[in-house]
Amino acid sequence: MSPVLPTRDTAATLEAARRAARAGGAILRSYFGRRIAAREKRGDDLLTEADLAAEATIVAVLRAATPGIAVVSEESGGEVTEHGLSWLVDPLDGTNNFVVDVPQIGVSIALMEQGSPLIGVVYHPITQTLWEAVRDGGARRIGGAIAARHAVEPRRAVVAHVQGYPVGPDLSQAVQEPLRAAVKRVLTNWAPALDWCLVAEGRVDALVSLDSEPEDLHAGALIAQEAGAIVTDFAGRPYTPGTPRVLGAGDPALHAALVDRLREFAG
């Protein structure tokens, strides 16, 4: 088992992730609003030349800055190792939004240490906002600290819902129905990494992640957790990487109420 990075190395590695996210985000900004071709890669998920260009830039920055760490990316593939360190990259979170010029998009980069996120960085290239977290080191948005919201009644709560592309409509509807009956509003933004950051900032009260892809999950979930959100599976058990169905909420009472609604879908 490899040790966690020393503090001095963590700072340098976090800075590498910041630079990679901003560099990839600059590529995405240069493409945003232009008419570009998109093709289906699985289900109704899309792939564009912007994804590939951003990925190439991000991977190049990470490999140059941290040559001993493997890079696993959504488009080029690879596998996060259970031993040692590896980067997990989603160069364009929210590709469908990007294609139709909806600016709810992001870059997600997680440093996985023995299969668990050690560093998380999420970047919104349109507003040039960057969120980051280090395990047991807190979370922040560049420019100030952030904290998940507390003390909200379920009937007044706004909850984000995200799901992986293999999830069928029947399961999606079955999960959303009890949510809609319990809370004020359910948001479906199709940009999971950004939604986790909204939870971390207290802009959204909770997030329900149904079989989301790991590259969309780990950086944002770490940021929310380090900002004070309670992050578990649907049954209320502690979240660990590999948990397919994840619930995060800033308020303990809201979290408990959502567990009651979702427990049967815990799997």
Protein backbone atom coordinates (compact mmCIF):
# COMPACT_ATOMS: atom_id res chain seq x y z
CA MET A 1 0.00 0.00 0.00
CA SER A 2 1.41 3.37 -0.98
CA PRO A 3 1.37 6.21 1.54
CA VAL A 4 -0.73 9.32 1.17
CA LEU A 5 1.25 12.10 -0.48
CA PRO A 6 3.31 14.23 1.91
CA THR A 7 1.86 17.68 2.52
CA ARG A 8 4.39 19.42 0.25
CA ASP A 9 3.62 16.98 -2.57
CA THR A 10 -0.13 17.31 -2.04
CA ALA A 11 0.11 21.07 -2.55
CA ALA A 12 2.10 20.65 -5.77
CA THR A 13 -0.20 17.92 -7.03
CA LEU A 14 -3.30 20.00 -6.28
CA GLU A 15 -1.76 22.87 -8.23
CA ALA A 16 -1.18 20.50 -11.17
CA ALA A 17 -4.86 19.54 -11.09
CA ARG A 18 -5.88 23.21 -11.03
CA ARG A 19 -3.67 23.99 -14.03
CA ALA A 20 -4.95 20.97 -15.96
CA ALA A 21 -8.59 21.84 -15.26
CA ARG A 22 -8.14 25.46 -16.33
CA ALA A 23 -6.23 24.46 -19.46
CA GLY A 24 -8.93 21.97 -20.46
CA GLY A 25 -11.60 24.50 -19.61
CA ALA A 26 -10.00 27.08 -21.88
CA ILE A 27 -10.29 24.60 -24.75
CA LEU A 28 -13.97 24.07 -23.96
CA ARG A 29 -14.62 27.83 -23.86
CA SER A 30 -13.05 28.19 -27.29
CA TYR A 31 -15.51 25.64 -28.69
CA PHE A 32 -18.60 26.67 -26.73
CA GLY A 33 -21.36 28.16 -28.89
CA ARG A 34 -19.86 26.89 -32.13
CA ARG A 35 -21.61 24.37 -34.33
CA ILE A 36 -19.59 21.16 -33.95
CA ALA A 37 -20.29 17.55 -34.84
CA ALA A 38 -21.28 15.08 -32.14
CA ARG A 39 -21.59 11.31 -32.26
CA GLU A 40 -23.13 8.79 -29.89
CA LYS A 41 -20.64 6.70 -27.95
CA ARG A 42 -22.94 4.73 -25.63
CA GLY A 43 -26.66 4.95 -25.09
CA ASP A 44 -27.53 8.57 -25.85
CA ASP A 45 -24.23 9.93 -24.48
CA LEU A 46 -22.32 12.10 -26.94
CA LEU A 47 -18.72 12.68 -27.92
CA THR A 48 -17.40 15.79 -29.67
CA GLU A 49 -14.05 17.09 -30.87
CA ALA A 50 -14.17 19.46 -27.87
CA ASP A 51 -14.12 16.48 -25.45
CA LEU A 52 -11.09 15.04 -27.20
CA ALA A 53 -9.20 18.34 -27.46
CA ALA A 54 -9.82 19.17 -23.80
CA GLU A 55 -8.83 15.67 -22.74
CA ALA A 56 -5.55 15.81 -24.69
CA THR A 57 -4.65 19.10 -23.01
CA ILE A 58 -5.57 17.91 -19.50
CA VAL A 59 -3.69 14.64 -19.88
CA ALA A 60 -0.61 16.43 -21.20
CA VAL A 61 -0.54 18.85 -18.26
CA LEU A 62 -1.00 16.08 -15.68
CA ARG A 63 1.62 13.80 -17.22
CA ALA A 64 4.16 16.60 -17.43
CA ALA A 65 3.56 17.76 -13.84
CA THR A 66 3.18 14.32 -12.23
CA PRO A 67 5.04 11.82 -14.44
CA GLY A 68 4.80 8.99 -11.92
CA ILE A 69 0.99 9.05 -11.73
CA ALA A 70 -1.18 7.19 -14.26
CA VAL A 71 -3.97 9.13 -15.99
CA VAL A 72 -7.36 7.49 -16.56
CA SER A 73 -9.80 9.49 -18.68
CA GLU A 74 -13.38 9.05 -19.79
CA GLU A 75 -12.54 9.15 -23.49
CA SER A 76 -9.13 7.43 -23.66
CA GLY A 77 -9.94 4.86 -20.98
CA GLY A 78 -7.74 3.07 -18.49
CA GLU A 79 -8.45 1.69 -15.06
CA VAL A 80 -7.98 3.23 -11.64
CA THR A 81 -5.62 1.03 -9.64
CA GLU A 82 -6.34 -0.17 -6.12
CA HIS A 83 -2.68 0.40 -5.26
CA GLY A 84 -0.84 3.65 -5.69
CA LEU A 85 -2.05 6.87 -7.28
CA SER A 86 -3.98 7.57 -10.46
CA TRP A 87 -5.75 10.56 -11.97
CA LEU A 88 -9.41 10.12 -12.97
CA VAL A 89 -10.52 12.70 -15.53
CA ASP A 90 -13.79 13.74 -17.13
CA PRO A 91 -12.73 16.40 -19.67
CA LEU A 92 -16.32 17.51 -20.35
CA ASP A 93 -19.00 16.83 -17.78
CA GLY A 94 -22.31 17.68 -19.43
CA THR A 95 -21.55 16.97 -23.09
CA ASN A 96 -25.22 16.99 -24.07
CA ASN A 97 -25.59 20.43 -22.50
CA PHE A 98 -22.48 21.60 -24.35
CA VAL A 99 -23.85 20.47 -27.71
CA VAL A 100 -27.04 22.53 -27.29
CA ASP A 101 -25.20 25.56 -25.83
CA VAL A 102 -26.44 25.14 -22.26
CA PRO A 103 -23.57 26.40 -20.08
CA GLN A 104 -24.01 23.78 -17.35
CA ILE A 105 -20.72 22.02 -18.10
CA GLY A 106 -17.54 21.25 -16.24
CA VAL A 107 -14.14 19.62 -16.03
CA SER A 108 -13.74 17.01 -13.29
CA ILE A 109 -10.36 15.74 -12.04
CA ALA A 110 -9.83 13.41 -9.08
CA LEU A 111 -6.59 12.02 -7.73
CA MET A 112 -7.39 8.49 -6.59
CA GLU A 113 -5.21 7.02 -3.84
CA GLN A 114 -5.68 3.27 -3.40
CA GLY A 115 -9.05 3.57 -5.15
CA SER A 116 -10.29 6.43 -2.96
CA PRO A 117 -10.34 10.14 -3.86
CA LEU A 118 -7.52 12.12 -2.27
CA ILE A 119 -7.88 15.34 -4.28
CA GLY A 120 -10.88 16.66 -6.18
CA VAL A 121 -11.03 19.60 -8.58
CA VAL A 122 -14.09 20.71 -10.56
CA TYR A 123 -13.94 23.65 -12.96
CA HIS A 124 -16.79 25.53 -14.62
CA PRO A 125 -15.14 26.98 -17.72
CA ILE A 126 -17.89 29.44 -18.64
CA THR A 127 -17.72 31.36 -15.35
CA GLN A 128 -14.11 30.25 -14.70
CA THR A 129 -15.11 29.03 -11.23
CA LEU A 130 -12.97 26.35 -9.61
CA TRP A 131 -13.85 24.17 -6.60
CA GLU A 132 -11.34 21.93 -4.87
CA ALA A 133 -10.92 19.62 -1.91
CA VAL A 134 -8.26 17.50 -0.26
CA ARG A 135 -9.28 14.52 1.83
CA ASP A 136 -9.45 15.59 5.49
CA GLY A 137 -8.28 19.05 4.40
CA GLY A 138 -11.55 20.82 3.69
CA ALA A 139 -13.08 22.25 0.53
CA ARG A 140 -13.19 25.67 -1.03
CA ARG A 141 -14.15 27.59 -4.09
CA ILE A 142 -11.23 29.66 -5.30
CA GLY A 143 -11.78 32.97 -3.57
CA GLY A 144 -13.28 31.66 -0.34
CA ALA A 145 -14.48 28.83 1.86
CA ILE A 146 -17.71 26.95 1.19
CA ALA A 147 -20.13 25.02 3.39
CA ALA A 148 -23.08 22.74 2.68
CA ARG A 149 -26.44 24.08 3.82
CA HIS A 150 -28.03 22.92 7.06
CA ALA A 151 -31.48 23.10 8.68
CA VAL A 152 -33.90 22.86 5.78
CA GLU A 153 -37.23 21.05 5.97
CA PRO A 154 -37.69 18.34 3.34
CA ARG A 155 -40.77 20.07 1.92
CA ARG A 156 -38.64 23.18 1.26
CA ALA A 157 -35.59 21.33 -0.07
CA VAL A 158 -34.19 21.52 -3.58
CA VAL A 159 -32.61 18.21 -4.59
CA ALA A 160 -30.45 17.49 -7.64
CA HIS A 161 -30.92 14.14 -9.36
CA VAL A 162 -28.19 12.64 -11.56
CA GLN A 163 -27.97 9.24 -13.19
CA GLY A 164 -25.71 7.19 -15.41
CA TYR A 165 -26.58 6.58 -19.02
CA PRO A 166 -27.34 2.84 -18.61
CA VAL A 167 -30.18 3.62 -16.16
CA GLY A 168 -33.51 2.84 -17.80
CA PRO A 169 -36.57 5.10 -17.68
CA ASP A 170 -38.53 2.80 -15.38
CA LEU A 171 -35.89 2.85 -12.63
CA SER A 172 -35.29 6.57 -13.10
CA GLN A 173 -38.98 7.32 -12.68
CA ALA A 174 -39.30 4.95 -9.71
CA VAL A 175 -36.52 6.81 -7.88
CA GLN A 176 -37.72 10.30 -8.77
CA GLU A 177 -41.37 9.78 -7.78
CA PRO A 178 -40.76 9.50 -4.00
CA LEU A 179 -38.31 12.39 -4.22
CA ARG A 180 -40.82 14.67 -5.90
CA ALA A 181 -43.41 13.73 -3.29
CA ALA A 182 -41.08 14.66 -0.43
CA VAL A 183 -39.24 17.82 -1.50
CA LYS A 184 -39.93 21.20 -3.07
CA ARG A 185 -38.09 20.64 -6.32
CA VAL A 186 -35.98 18.02 -8.10
CA LEU A 187 -33.36 19.40 -10.51
CA THR A 188 -31.99 17.39 -13.42
CA ASN A 189 -29.07 19.36 -14.83
CA TRP A 190 -27.10 16.51 -16.49
CA ALA A 191 -23.81 17.80 -15.10
CA PRO A 192 -23.12 15.68 -12.00
CA ALA A 193 -19.76 17.16 -10.99
CA LEU A 194 -21.22 20.68 -10.97
CA ASP A 195 -24.27 19.50 -9.02
CA TRP A 196 -22.03 18.12 -6.28
CA CYS A 197 -20.38 21.53 -6.05
CA LEU A 198 -23.79 23.19 -5.73
CA VAL A 199 -24.41 20.93 -2.72
CA ALA A 200 -20.99 21.83 -1.34
CA GLU A 201 -21.84 25.54 -1.59
CA GLY A 202 -25.31 25.16 -0.08
CA ARG A 203 -27.01 26.32 -3.28
CA VAL A 204 -28.70 22.92 -3.57
CA ASP A 205 -29.79 21.07 -0.43
CA ALA A 206 -29.07 17.49 -1.52
CA LEU A 207 -28.07 15.29 -4.42
CA VAL A 208 -29.24 11.81 -5.41
CA SER A 209 -26.82 10.00 -7.72
CA LEU A 210 -28.22 6.91 -9.41
CA ASP A 211 -25.47 4.75 -10.94
CA SER A 212 -23.43 7.76 -12.09
CA GLU A 213 -20.15 7.12 -13.91
CA PRO A 214 -17.14 7.27 -11.52
CA GLU A 215 -15.40 10.02 -13.50
CA ASP A 216 -18.48 12.22 -12.87
CA LEU A 217 -18.68 11.32 -9.20
CA HIS A 218 -15.47 11.18 -7.19
CA ALA A 219 -14.12 14.74 -7.41
CA GLY A 220 -17.49 16.37 -6.77
CA ALA A 221 -18.51 13.98 -3.99
CA LEU A 222 -15.20 14.63 -2.20
CA ILE A 223 -15.74 18.39 -2.48
CA ALA A 224 -19.26 18.09 -1.05
CA GLN A 225 -18.11 15.78 1.74
CA GLU A 226 -15.23 18.06 2.72
CA ALA A 227 -17.66 21.01 2.73
CA GLY A 228 -19.71 19.25 5.40
CA ALA A 229 -22.31 17.30 3.42
CA ILE A 230 -23.30 13.85 4.65
CA VAL A 231 -22.47 11.45 1.80
CA THR A 232 -23.72 7.85 1.98
CA ASP A 233 -25.37 5.18 -0.08
CA PHE A 234 -29.17 5.10 -0.36
CA ALA A 235 -29.41 3.02 2.82
CA GLY A 236 -27.42 5.53 4.87
CA ARG A 237 -24.23 3.48 4.93
CA PRO A 238 -20.92 5.37 4.57
CA TYR A 239 -19.99 6.23 1.01
CA THR A 240 -17.00 4.40 -0.38
CA PRO A 241 -15.69 4.41 -3.96
CA GLY A 242 -17.57 1.75 -5.88
CA THR A 243 -20.86 2.62 -4.20
CA PRO A 244 -23.14 2.93 -7.25
CA ARG A 245 -26.03 4.85 -5.65
CA VAL A 246 -24.99 7.85 -3.62
CA LEU A 247 -26.88 10.41 -1.54
CA GLY A 248 -25.43 13.69 -0.27
CA ALA A 249 -27.16 16.28 1.92
CA GLY A 250 -26.07 19.18 4.10
CA ASP A 251 -28.78 18.76 6.74
CA PRO A 252 -28.85 15.54 8.82
CA ALA A 253 -32.64 15.57 9.11
CA LEU A 254 -33.05 15.98 5.35
CA HIS A 255 -30.53 13.22 4.76
CA ALA A 256 -32.46 10.87 7.06
CA ALA A 257 -35.74 11.72 5.33
CA LEU A 258 -34.25 10.99 1.92
CA VAL A 259 -32.78 7.68 3.12
CA ASP A 260 -36.30 6.68 4.18
CA ARG A 261 -37.51 7.39 0.64
CA LEU A 262 -34.60 5.74 -1.17
CA ARG A 263 -33.63 2.77 0.96
CA GLU A 264 -35.49 0.27 -1.22
CA PHE A 265 -33.32 1.28 -4.19
CA ALA A 266 -30.01 0.88 -2.37
CA GLY A 267 -29.15 -2.33 -4.22
